N, C-alpha and C. Protein backbone atom coordinates (compact mmCIF):
# COMPACT_ATOMS: atom_id res chain seq x y z
N UNK A 1 -23.03 0.03 18.12
CA UNK A 1 -22.31 1.27 17.10
C UNK A 1 -22.50 2.46 18.17
N UNK A 2 -21.77 3.28 17.93
CA UNK A 2 -21.52 4.52 18.75
C UNK A 2 -22.37 5.61 18.58
N UNK A 3 -22.79 5.76 17.29
CA UNK A 3 -23.89 6.66 17.29
C UNK A 3 -23.25 7.74 16.28
N UNK A 4 -21.70 7.94 16.08
CA UNK A 4 -21.84 8.84 15.39
C UNK A 4 -21.50 8.39 13.76
N UNK A 5 -21.66 9.60 13.21
CA UNK A 5 -21.89 9.32 11.54
C UNK A 5 -20.66 8.46 10.86
N UNK A 6 -20.62 7.65 9.86
CA UNK A 6 -19.70 6.83 9.18
C UNK A 6 -19.80 7.23 8.08
N UNK A 7 -20.59 8.16 7.68
CA UNK A 7 -20.97 8.40 6.27
C UNK A 7 -19.52 8.90 5.75
N UNK A 8 -18.84 8.42 4.61
CA UNK A 8 -17.88 9.15 4.17
C UNK A 8 -16.51 8.48 4.22
N UNK A 9 -16.60 7.59 5.47
CA UNK A 9 -15.24 7.10 5.96
C UNK A 9 -14.73 6.00 5.02
N UNK A 10 -13.61 6.26 4.83
CA UNK A 10 -12.63 5.76 3.92
C UNK A 10 -11.49 4.84 4.80
N UNK A 11 -10.88 3.45 3.93
CA UNK A 11 -10.07 3.01 4.77
C UNK A 11 -9.58 1.90 3.88
N UNK A 12 -8.64 1.13 4.11
CA UNK A 12 -7.99 0.20 3.41
C UNK A 12 -7.59 -1.17 4.06
N UNK A 13 -7.29 -2.08 3.79
CA UNK A 13 -6.63 -3.05 4.44
C UNK A 13 -6.18 -4.08 3.35
N UNK A 14 -5.14 -4.93 4.02
CA UNK A 14 -4.68 -6.07 3.34
C UNK A 14 -4.68 -7.14 4.28
N UNK A 15 -4.95 -8.48 3.41
CA UNK A 15 -5.13 -9.89 4.16
C UNK A 15 -4.02 -10.75 3.55
N UNK A 16 -3.54 -11.83 3.90
CA UNK A 16 -2.65 -12.90 3.20
C UNK A 16 -1.60 -12.61 2.82
N UNK A 17 -1.12 -13.29 1.84
CA UNK A 17 0.25 -13.27 1.53
C UNK A 17 0.22 -13.50 -0.18
N UNK A 18 0.78 -13.12 -1.04
CA UNK A 18 0.88 -13.00 -2.44
C UNK A 18 0.84 -14.70 -2.79
N UNK A 19 0.48 -15.24 -3.96
CA UNK A 19 -0.46 -14.56 -4.53
C UNK A 19 -1.86 -14.72 -4.24
N UNK A 20 -2.20 -15.03 -3.04
CA UNK A 20 -3.65 -15.19 -2.66
C UNK A 20 -3.77 -13.80 -1.78
N UNK A 21 -3.14 -12.98 -1.53
CA UNK A 21 -3.50 -12.21 -0.84
C UNK A 21 -4.61 -11.36 -1.60
N UNK A 22 -5.28 -10.10 -0.71
CA UNK A 22 -6.18 -9.58 -1.05
C UNK A 22 -6.08 -8.14 -0.49
N UNK A 23 -6.08 -6.94 -1.10
CA UNK A 23 -5.88 -5.61 -1.04
C UNK A 23 -7.56 -5.22 -0.99
N UNK A 24 -7.96 -4.30 -0.17
CA UNK A 24 -9.27 -3.73 -0.35
C UNK A 24 -9.38 -2.40 0.04
N UNK A 25 -10.28 -1.43 -0.45
CA UNK A 25 -10.67 -0.26 0.21
C UNK A 25 -12.17 0.02 0.50
N UNK A 26 -12.45 0.51 1.47
CA UNK A 26 -13.67 0.51 2.08
C UNK A 26 -14.28 1.91 2.11
N UNK A 27 -15.19 2.18 1.67
CA UNK A 27 -16.25 3.10 1.59
C UNK A 27 -17.43 3.20 2.30
N UNK A 28 -17.61 3.38 3.64
CA UNK A 28 -19.24 3.54 4.30
C UNK A 28 -20.07 4.76 3.83
N UNK A 29 -21.50 4.26 3.80
CA UNK A 29 -22.60 5.44 3.42
C UNK A 29 -23.40 5.42 4.34
N UNK A 30 -24.21 6.26 4.62
CA UNK A 30 -25.58 6.53 5.65
C UNK A 30 -26.46 6.56 4.33
N UNK A 31 -27.29 5.68 4.53
CA UNK A 31 -28.65 5.61 3.62
C UNK A 31 -29.22 7.34 3.18
N UNK A 32 -29.68 7.47 1.76
CA UNK A 32 -30.17 8.82 1.64
C UNK A 32 -28.69 9.70 1.51
N UNK A 33 -27.80 9.46 1.65
CA UNK A 33 -26.66 10.67 1.88
C UNK A 33 -26.24 10.80 0.18
N UNK A 34 -25.46 11.92 0.15
CA UNK A 34 -24.77 11.93 -1.02
C UNK A 34 -23.69 11.04 -1.56
N UNK A 35 -23.17 10.26 -0.15
CA UNK A 35 -22.10 9.38 -0.24
C UNK A 35 -22.86 8.20 -0.68
N UNK A 36 -23.72 8.02 -0.19
CA UNK A 36 -24.71 6.36 -0.67
C UNK A 36 -25.53 6.70 -2.25
N UNK A 37 -25.71 7.95 -2.67
CA UNK A 37 -26.02 7.98 -4.12
C UNK A 37 -24.88 7.98 -5.15
N UNK A 38 -23.67 8.18 -4.60
CA UNK A 38 -22.36 8.21 -5.54
C UNK A 38 -22.27 6.62 -5.57
N UNK A 39 -22.47 6.04 -4.47
CA UNK A 39 -21.85 4.41 -4.50
C UNK A 39 -23.36 3.80 -5.32
N UNK A 40 -24.46 4.11 -5.10
CA UNK A 40 -25.46 3.51 -5.95
C UNK A 40 -25.20 3.87 -7.54
N UNK A 41 -24.40 4.93 -7.79
CA UNK A 41 -24.25 5.38 -9.26
C UNK A 41 -23.31 4.39 -9.77
N UNK A 42 -22.25 4.27 -8.80
CA UNK A 42 -21.14 3.11 -9.12
C UNK A 42 -21.69 1.65 -9.44
N UNK A 43 -22.66 1.31 -8.59
CA UNK A 43 -23.24 0.09 -8.42
C UNK A 43 -23.84 -0.02 -9.83
N UNK A 44 -24.79 0.80 -10.38
CA UNK A 44 -25.37 0.90 -11.50
C UNK A 44 -24.45 0.84 -12.89
N UNK A 45 -23.51 1.29 -12.63
CA UNK A 45 -22.68 1.51 -13.91
C UNK A 45 -21.47 0.47 -14.12
N UNK A 46 -22.13 -0.94 -14.41
CA UNK A 46 -20.89 -2.24 -14.93
C UNK A 46 -20.54 -1.69 -15.95
N UNK A 47 -19.05 -2.30 -16.12
CA UNK A 47 -18.59 -2.41 -17.52
C UNK A 47 -17.76 -3.59 -17.56
N UNK A 48 -17.60 -4.08 -18.70
CA UNK A 48 -16.89 -5.31 -19.01
C UNK A 48 -15.70 -5.64 -18.30
N UNK A 49 -15.76 -6.86 -17.56
CA UNK A 49 -14.92 -7.33 -16.70
C UNK A 49 -14.95 -6.58 -15.08
N UNK A 50 -15.76 -5.67 -15.07
CA UNK A 50 -15.93 -4.88 -13.31
C UNK A 50 -17.07 -4.93 -13.30
N UNK A 51 -17.69 -5.98 -13.01
CA UNK A 51 -19.20 -5.85 -12.72
C UNK A 51 -19.70 -5.79 -11.04
N UNK A 52 -20.44 -4.68 -10.37
CA UNK A 52 -20.38 -4.87 -9.00
C UNK A 52 -21.44 -5.64 -8.78
N UNK A 53 -20.93 -6.16 -7.60
CA UNK A 53 -21.93 -7.53 -6.81
C UNK A 53 -22.26 -6.86 -5.51
N UNK A 54 -23.98 -6.94 -5.63
CA UNK A 54 -24.79 -6.71 -4.21
C UNK A 54 -24.29 -8.22 -3.59
N UNK A 55 -23.42 -8.41 -2.44
CA UNK A 55 -23.12 -9.68 -1.69
C UNK A 55 -23.98 -10.12 -1.25
N UNK A 56 -24.44 -11.16 -1.53
CA UNK A 56 -25.45 -12.35 -1.09
C UNK A 56 -24.94 -13.60 -0.80
N UNK A 57 -25.58 -13.95 0.13
CA UNK A 57 -25.21 -15.50 0.48
C UNK A 57 -26.27 -16.49 0.37
N UNK A 58 -25.77 -18.09 0.28
CA UNK A 58 -26.76 -18.86 0.24
C UNK A 58 -26.13 -20.03 -0.25
N UNK A 59 -26.80 -21.35 0.14
CA UNK A 59 -25.83 -22.58 -0.79
C UNK A 59 -26.37 -22.73 -2.19
N UNK A 60 -27.31 -21.76 -2.41
CA UNK A 60 -27.66 -22.12 -4.00
C UNK A 60 -28.54 -20.65 -4.53
N UNK A 61 -28.40 -20.32 -6.07
CA UNK A 61 -29.12 -19.30 -5.97
C UNK A 61 -30.46 -18.82 -5.59
N UNK A 62 -31.46 -19.59 -5.86
CA UNK A 62 -32.74 -19.51 -5.32
C UNK A 62 -32.78 -18.82 -3.55
N UNK A 63 -31.86 -19.53 -3.16
CA UNK A 63 -31.84 -19.09 -1.50
C UNK A 63 -30.93 -18.15 -1.34
N UNK A 64 -30.40 -17.35 -2.11
CA UNK A 64 -29.70 -16.18 -1.67
C UNK A 64 -30.20 -15.28 -1.12
N UNK A 65 -29.57 -14.69 0.14
CA UNK A 65 -30.02 -13.57 0.89
C UNK A 65 -29.16 -12.61 0.92
N UNK A 66 -29.42 -11.10 0.85
CA UNK A 66 -28.55 -9.91 1.15
C UNK A 66 -28.29 -9.74 2.29
N UNK A 67 -26.78 -9.76 2.34
CA UNK A 67 -26.18 -9.23 3.64
C UNK A 67 -26.30 -7.97 4.14
N UNK A 68 -26.55 -8.02 5.58
CA UNK A 68 -26.66 -6.62 6.12
C UNK A 68 -25.79 -6.25 6.86
N UNK A 69 -25.30 -5.08 6.85
CA UNK A 69 -25.57 -4.13 6.00
C UNK A 69 -25.54 -4.23 4.41
N UNK A 70 -26.13 -3.57 3.69
CA UNK A 70 -26.22 -3.94 2.39
C UNK A 70 -24.48 -3.65 2.08
N UNK A 71 -23.85 -4.55 1.22
CA UNK A 71 -22.53 -4.68 0.84
C UNK A 71 -22.13 -4.74 -0.51
N UNK A 72 -21.71 -3.69 -1.22
CA UNK A 72 -21.50 -3.88 -2.62
C UNK A 72 -19.83 -3.94 -3.07
N UNK A 73 -19.54 -4.99 -3.78
CA UNK A 73 -18.39 -5.42 -4.00
C UNK A 73 -17.94 -5.06 -5.32
N UNK A 74 -16.21 -4.69 -5.76
CA UNK A 74 -16.04 -4.08 -6.83
C UNK A 74 -14.91 -4.48 -7.37
N UNK A 75 -14.46 -5.43 -8.33
CA UNK A 75 -13.02 -5.87 -8.22
C UNK A 75 -12.39 -4.73 -8.90
N UNK A 76 -11.12 -4.61 -8.68
CA UNK A 76 -9.98 -3.44 -9.24
C UNK A 76 -9.20 -4.02 -10.67
N UNK A 77 -9.35 -5.77 -10.60
CA UNK A 77 -8.94 -6.12 -11.82
C UNK A 77 -9.88 -6.82 -12.58
N UNK A 78 -9.45 -6.90 -13.62
CA UNK A 78 -10.62 -7.11 -14.69
C UNK A 78 -10.64 -8.57 -14.63
N UNK A 79 -11.99 -9.35 -14.45
CA UNK A 79 -12.13 -10.51 -14.53
C UNK A 79 -12.28 -11.13 -16.06
N UNK A 80 -11.27 -11.87 -16.51
CA UNK A 80 -11.36 -12.15 -17.60
C UNK A 80 -11.18 -13.77 -18.39
N UNK A 81 -11.17 -14.53 -16.81
CA UNK A 81 -11.62 -15.98 -17.31
C UNK A 81 -12.14 -16.54 -16.23
N UNK A 82 -12.79 -17.85 -16.12
CA UNK A 82 -13.92 -18.26 -15.31
C UNK A 82 -13.01 -18.70 -13.84
N UNK A 83 -11.89 -18.94 -14.26
CA UNK A 83 -11.37 -19.17 -12.42
C UNK A 83 -11.31 -18.19 -11.91
N UNK A 84 -10.75 -17.02 -12.47
CA UNK A 84 -10.41 -15.75 -11.89
C UNK A 84 -11.78 -15.05 -11.02
N UNK A 85 -12.80 -15.31 -12.19
CA UNK A 85 -14.08 -14.90 -12.01
C UNK A 85 -14.59 -15.60 -10.87
N UNK A 86 -14.34 -16.74 -10.67
CA UNK A 86 -14.53 -17.76 -9.62
C UNK A 86 -14.36 -17.18 -8.35
N UNK A 87 -13.05 -17.09 -8.29
CA UNK A 87 -12.31 -16.42 -6.95
C UNK A 87 -13.03 -14.99 -6.45
N UNK A 88 -13.25 -14.30 -7.19
CA UNK A 88 -13.80 -12.83 -7.02
C UNK A 88 -15.28 -13.10 -6.71
N UNK A 89 -15.97 -13.70 -7.30
CA UNK A 89 -17.56 -13.75 -7.12
C UNK A 89 -17.75 -14.54 -5.78
N UNK A 90 -16.66 -15.98 -5.54
CA UNK A 90 -16.76 -16.67 -4.66
C UNK A 90 -16.07 -16.56 -3.44
N UNK A 91 -14.85 -16.85 -3.64
CA UNK A 91 -14.03 -16.63 -1.98
C UNK A 91 -13.77 -15.27 -1.62
N UNK A 92 -13.83 -14.42 -2.42
CA UNK A 92 -13.44 -12.88 -2.16
C UNK A 92 -15.01 -12.45 -1.46
N UNK A 93 -16.41 -12.78 -2.48
CA UNK A 93 -17.59 -12.27 -1.84
C UNK A 93 -18.09 -13.11 -0.32
N UNK A 94 -17.40 -14.35 -0.24
CA UNK A 94 -17.49 -14.84 1.01
C UNK A 94 -16.59 -14.26 2.49
N UNK A 95 -15.41 -13.98 2.12
CA UNK A 95 -14.66 -13.24 2.53
C UNK A 95 -15.26 -12.08 3.23
N UNK A 96 -15.40 -11.40 2.12
CA UNK A 96 -16.01 -10.08 2.37
C UNK A 96 -17.29 -10.02 3.65
N UNK A 97 -18.10 -10.73 3.52
CA UNK A 97 -19.32 -11.37 3.87
C UNK A 97 -19.08 -11.98 5.16
N UNK A 98 -18.05 -12.16 5.75
CA UNK A 98 -17.87 -12.73 6.75
C UNK A 98 -17.14 -11.77 7.85
N UNK A 99 -16.38 -10.98 6.86
CA UNK A 99 -15.74 -9.55 7.78
C UNK A 99 -16.99 -8.46 8.06
N UNK A 100 -17.76 -8.48 7.31
CA UNK A 100 -18.65 -7.45 7.42
C UNK A 100 -19.82 -8.13 8.72
N UNK A 101 -20.03 -9.26 8.78
CA UNK A 101 -20.75 -10.15 9.76
C UNK A 101 -20.06 -10.08 11.40
N UNK A 102 -18.74 -10.30 11.03
CA UNK A 102 -17.79 -10.06 12.14
C UNK A 102 -17.49 -8.58 12.80
N UNK A 103 -18.01 -7.73 11.90
CA UNK A 103 -18.14 -6.49 12.33
C UNK A 103 -19.30 -5.97 12.96
N UNK A 104 -20.26 -6.31 12.37
CA UNK A 104 -21.49 -6.57 12.90
C UNK A 104 -21.63 -7.27 14.32
N UNK A 105 -21.42 -8.41 14.30
CA UNK A 105 -21.29 -9.36 15.77
C UNK A 105 -20.64 -8.55 16.59
N UNK A 106 -19.49 -7.64 16.63
CA UNK A 106 -18.39 -6.64 17.40
C UNK A 106 -19.54 -5.53 17.76
N UNK A 107 -20.33 -5.19 17.23
CA UNK A 107 -21.23 -4.05 17.62
C UNK A 107 -20.85 -2.89 17.02
N UNK A 108 -20.15 -2.86 16.03
CA UNK A 108 -19.12 -1.63 15.16
C UNK A 108 -20.22 -1.30 14.13
N UNK A 109 -21.28 -1.93 13.34
CA UNK A 109 -22.10 -1.59 12.16
C UNK A 109 -23.48 -2.90 12.62
N UNK A 110 -24.54 -1.97 12.46
CA UNK A 110 -25.76 -2.45 12.58
C UNK A 110 -26.36 -3.79 11.27
N UNK A 111 -27.12 -4.74 11.77
CA UNK A 111 -27.19 -5.52 10.73
C UNK A 111 -28.74 -5.02 9.84
N UNK A 112 -28.66 -3.73 9.18
CA UNK A 112 -29.76 -2.84 9.02
C UNK A 112 -29.64 -2.66 7.68
N UNK A 113 -30.53 -1.54 7.02
CA UNK A 113 -30.38 -0.81 5.76
C UNK A 113 -29.85 0.47 5.96
N UNK A 114 -29.23 0.81 6.97
CA UNK A 114 -29.05 2.08 7.14
C UNK A 114 -27.67 2.58 6.85
N UNK A 115 -26.91 1.85 6.78
CA UNK A 115 -25.26 1.74 6.39
C UNK A 115 -25.02 0.79 4.81
N UNK A 116 -24.63 1.59 3.76
CA UNK A 116 -24.12 0.79 2.94
C UNK A 116 -22.69 0.57 2.80
N UNK A 117 -22.03 -0.61 2.54
CA UNK A 117 -20.72 -0.93 3.07
C UNK A 117 -20.32 -1.17 0.80
N UNK A 118 -19.15 -0.24 0.81
CA UNK A 118 -18.90 -0.34 -0.63
C UNK A 118 -17.26 -1.11 -0.36
N UNK A 119 -16.81 -2.03 -1.10
CA UNK A 119 -15.46 -2.87 -0.81
C UNK A 119 -15.02 -2.83 -2.51
N UNK A 120 -14.28 -2.57 -2.67
CA UNK A 120 -13.46 -2.43 -3.73
C UNK A 120 -12.21 -3.13 -3.52
N UNK A 121 -12.07 -4.54 -4.13
CA UNK A 121 -11.26 -5.31 -3.78
C UNK A 121 -9.76 -5.59 -5.27
N UNK A 122 -8.56 -5.66 -4.54
CA UNK A 122 -7.80 -6.35 -5.89
C UNK A 122 -7.20 -7.54 -5.25
N UNK A 123 -7.03 -8.50 -6.53
CA UNK A 123 -6.83 -9.75 -6.20
C UNK A 123 -5.96 -9.92 -7.31
N UNK A 124 -4.64 -10.84 -6.73
CA UNK A 124 -3.48 -11.07 -7.92
C UNK A 124 -4.31 -12.29 -8.96
N UNK A 125 -4.12 -11.73 -10.32
CA UNK A 125 -4.33 -12.63 -11.15
C UNK A 125 -3.96 -14.19 -11.23
N UNK A 126 -2.73 -14.52 -10.62
CA UNK A 126 -2.00 -15.47 -10.26
C UNK A 126 -2.71 -16.20 -8.97
N UNK A 127 -3.48 -15.45 -8.60
CA UNK A 127 -4.25 -16.34 -7.06
C UNK A 127 -4.77 -17.83 -7.39
N UNK A 128 -4.73 -18.88 -6.75
CA UNK A 128 -5.32 -19.97 -6.85
C UNK A 128 -5.83 -20.62 -5.78
N UNK A 129 -5.58 -20.48 -4.59
CA UNK A 129 -5.75 -21.23 -3.46
C UNK A 129 -7.55 -20.73 -3.06
N UNK A 130 -8.36 -20.79 -3.09
CA UNK A 130 -9.68 -20.54 -2.81
C UNK A 130 -9.96 -20.12 -1.48
N UNK A 131 -9.41 -21.03 -0.55
CA UNK A 131 -9.77 -20.81 0.80
C UNK A 131 -8.99 -19.86 1.38
N UNK A 132 -7.65 -20.05 0.96
CA UNK A 132 -6.53 -18.42 1.15
C UNK A 132 -7.28 -17.23 0.62
N UNK A 133 -7.50 -17.35 -0.36
CA UNK A 133 -8.23 -15.90 -1.03
C UNK A 133 -9.35 -15.56 -0.05
N UNK A 134 -10.10 -16.57 0.43
CA UNK A 134 -11.22 -16.50 1.18
C UNK A 134 -11.02 -15.47 2.40
N UNK A 135 -9.96 -16.60 3.19
CA UNK A 135 -9.47 -16.05 4.40
C UNK A 135 -8.64 -14.40 4.45
N UNK A 136 -8.15 -14.35 3.27
CA UNK A 136 -7.54 -12.89 3.07
C UNK A 136 -8.46 -11.72 2.67
N UNK A 137 -9.42 -12.31 2.08
CA UNK A 137 -10.34 -11.35 1.76
C UNK A 137 -11.35 -10.90 3.18
N UNK A 138 -11.32 -11.55 4.06
CA UNK A 138 -11.87 -11.54 5.61
C UNK A 138 -10.98 -10.49 6.28
N UNK A 139 -9.80 -10.82 6.32
CA UNK A 139 -8.77 -10.39 7.06
C UNK A 139 -8.75 -8.76 6.67
N UNK A 140 -8.55 -8.56 5.03
CA UNK A 140 -8.49 -7.38 4.71
C UNK A 140 -9.66 -6.33 4.71
N UNK A 141 -11.07 -6.90 4.73
CA UNK A 141 -11.80 -6.28 5.01
C UNK A 141 -12.06 -5.81 6.34
N UNK A 142 -11.97 -7.08 7.01
CA UNK A 142 -12.06 -6.67 9.01
C UNK A 142 -11.35 -5.61 9.21
N UNK A 143 -9.95 -5.70 8.82
CA UNK A 143 -9.25 -3.92 9.03
C UNK A 143 -9.79 -3.04 8.60
N UNK A 144 -10.06 -3.31 7.44
CA UNK A 144 -10.50 -1.72 6.73
C UNK A 144 -11.71 -1.15 7.35
N UNK A 145 -12.93 -2.28 7.82
CA UNK A 145 -13.82 -1.70 8.24
C UNK A 145 -13.68 -1.51 9.54
N UNK A 146 -12.82 -1.98 10.53
CA UNK A 146 -12.05 -1.58 11.94
C UNK A 146 -11.81 -0.17 11.97
N UNK A 147 -11.19 0.44 10.86
CA UNK A 147 -10.32 1.65 10.86
C UNK A 147 -11.42 2.70 10.57
N UNK A 148 -12.27 2.11 9.32
CA UNK A 148 -13.34 3.19 9.05
C UNK A 148 -14.32 3.73 10.15
N UNK A 149 -14.76 2.49 11.21
CA UNK A 149 -15.49 2.81 11.88
C UNK A 149 -14.84 3.35 13.36
N UNK A 150 -14.00 2.85 13.56
CA UNK A 150 -13.19 3.26 15.09
C UNK A 150 -12.31 4.53 14.59
N UNK A 151 -11.48 4.74 13.27
CA UNK A 151 -10.58 5.49 12.81
C UNK A 151 -9.56 5.11 13.17
N UNK A 152 -8.55 5.65 12.75
CA UNK A 152 -7.08 5.57 12.99
C UNK A 152 -6.21 5.53 14.36
N UNK A 153 -5.30 5.02 14.85
CA UNK A 153 -4.52 5.25 16.01
C UNK A 153 -3.94 6.37 15.74
N UNK A 154 -4.23 7.49 16.46
CA UNK A 154 -3.50 8.75 16.61
C UNK A 154 -1.99 8.93 16.66
N UNK A 155 -1.22 8.09 17.34
CA UNK A 155 -0.01 7.73 17.45
C UNK A 155 0.49 7.28 16.14
N UNK A 156 0.10 6.19 15.38
CA UNK A 156 0.10 5.87 14.48
C UNK A 156 0.03 6.76 12.81
N UNK A 157 -0.99 7.59 13.42
CA UNK A 157 -1.15 8.52 12.10
C UNK A 157 -0.24 9.92 12.44
N UNK A 158 0.18 10.04 13.31
CA UNK A 158 1.56 10.87 13.83
C UNK A 158 2.83 10.32 13.21
N UNK A 159 3.09 9.18 13.63
CA UNK A 159 4.05 8.34 13.12
C UNK A 159 4.47 8.54 11.67
N UNK A 160 3.17 8.51 11.07
CA UNK A 160 3.50 8.78 9.37
C UNK A 160 3.77 10.01 9.29
N UNK A 161 2.84 10.51 9.53
CA UNK A 161 3.35 12.60 9.52
C UNK A 161 4.99 12.42 9.65
N UNK A 162 5.57 12.25 10.76
CA UNK A 162 6.90 12.32 11.39
C UNK A 162 7.86 11.74 10.55
N UNK A 163 7.28 10.57 9.51
CA UNK A 163 8.28 9.87 9.03
C UNK A 163 8.02 9.95 7.26
N UNK A 164 7.43 11.21 6.85
CA UNK A 164 7.17 11.52 5.69
C UNK A 164 7.92 11.41 4.59
N UNK A 165 9.12 12.06 5.07
CA UNK A 165 10.32 11.69 4.22
C UNK A 165 10.82 10.43 4.03
N UNK A 166 10.42 9.25 4.32
CA UNK A 166 11.03 8.13 4.02
C UNK A 166 9.91 7.13 3.79
N UNK A 167 8.34 7.53 3.74
CA UNK A 167 7.49 6.59 3.31
C UNK A 167 7.92 6.00 1.81
N UNK A 168 7.30 5.14 1.47
CA UNK A 168 7.44 4.58 0.15
C UNK A 168 6.34 3.67 -0.27
N UNK A 169 6.52 2.49 -1.40
CA UNK A 169 5.22 1.65 -1.48
C UNK A 169 6.24 0.73 -2.39
N UNK A 170 5.43 -0.33 -2.41
CA UNK A 170 6.25 -1.58 -3.25
C UNK A 170 6.31 -1.12 -4.57
N UNK A 171 5.60 -0.48 -5.35
CA UNK A 171 5.02 -0.08 -6.65
C UNK A 171 6.48 1.06 -6.85
N UNK A 172 7.18 1.81 -6.16
CA UNK A 172 7.95 2.83 -5.98
C UNK A 172 9.27 2.22 -6.43
N UNK A 173 10.27 2.48 -7.09
CA UNK A 173 11.41 2.26 -6.99
C UNK A 173 12.29 3.19 -6.65
N UNK A 174 12.08 4.55 -6.19
CA UNK A 174 12.98 5.60 -5.93
C UNK A 174 13.36 5.53 -4.46
């Protein structure tokens, strides 16, 4: 890791294709910072259909291990049935964990308790393919983490500013 602060860095990423695609927002926090305190507050405030998960891995519940850096995952779409909940807690959690571990392996983050990763994820309720969802979560999270740690390409950021009159979004019809 470069040694510069990542506290409060935000980014987003998309992976896969609909309906099994995943969109994530990532926030990085340094331990004991106001950002980490805010993320801890979000983690401690679950509500029906939106339960934050401390990403943990293992073949069965008794052998779970905490992912390092600690990663909190929160879904943006309410979990209302077992199938969807399984995709979020299973495929998305594993995909996010793999992306965090990829980022550690690349030397962008350390596998320690000094940084907290917060991942807010969107998954279409029509998603069905567990393997595709896992791969999409990994792809989206990896892209978001790279951008959060390394920053945005200045030319791409400038192109967005220069093209501001033509920016659009899939949910915007104008």
